[in-house]
């Protein structure tokens, strides 16, 4: 087999990545417009935003840093032209999620199965990950957003993970001690996303590898509290199936709207809006390059952020705005942001 030298190969990849960067976008349904915010010549495996719109993302291994994984911040005030490395693994690992909570970044990776954290701001040189818990098959981490009437205080995160690689579950994780307890046993489902409503109700999305599997289930805050205090985990049958769909990869909740990313094997990654009051659905769009994935969905004051990646050479952060129409669920919202990234949100364990 003929081999290319490292320098020509990297140059070729950079050229190809640059060619794709500005063509890569989302094929939108009517009622939406889009604008590329910035692109990264690398894979992105999870991200979040702060209240100023700064974007924190986990990148690599890929084109830019093939032998490493880092967490980077791109600032809104610079128009996302300024990128600073905050965390450096100093080794290649494969990320699963990144969540910002109270000036602390929480992130998971599948290589060792660890959940780690880093406080902000980060001094120079870049920080190394601080170990929190070993949770193999970790997939998603969210906070309920409610503390006054819940058995889970502000120091509790909720993690969707397939610890045994045979049975995905949701766990309540104490971010001070690293101890966790099972809250929901899905009974063998693929790893699925989680989100919380403003009332603290847990939403769990089943994620079959093909369009044959799916469904979004709601568990009330009271059910979650009882599971934590009693030590008896919930089952899927204890929840209410509010949406019967074809699969779930990531969630974001804005008011009564649930945004869903679905990355299906052998199919096209898609975005859908579900209204939790009327239980109606609105297609948003799909990726325009076969093999691209959505890495996650985040909202910022009604804006939505996601990432579109080819899992090696290019990730685009894209803003998608709704075109307001009379009666639209988004009338009066500032906009919708979408960024897409990586096969980690690939509806698999």
Foldseek 3Di string as FASTA:
>chain_A
DDDDDPVVVLVVLQVVQVVVFVVWDWFWDPFKDKDFQDKDFFFWQEWAADQQGKIKTWTDDFSPNVFWIFIWIQGVVVSSPDIDTAETQSGGFAWAYWDDDPQKIWTATQPQQFIFIDGPDGDPPHHYTHTQERAHQWHEKADLQDAPPAPQHPQWIKIFGDRPQFWIFIWIARRVHRDIATAETAPGFFGWEWDYAPQSWIWTWGADQWQVDIFIWIHGRVSSRCCVVVSPHHYSVNTDGLAGGRGFLEWDDDHQKIKTWHAHPPDWIFIKIARNVVRDIDTTTTTPDPQWFWNYWYAHQQEIWIWTENRHTMIIWMWMFGNDDVPDPCVPGPGYTYHGGDCSSNSGD
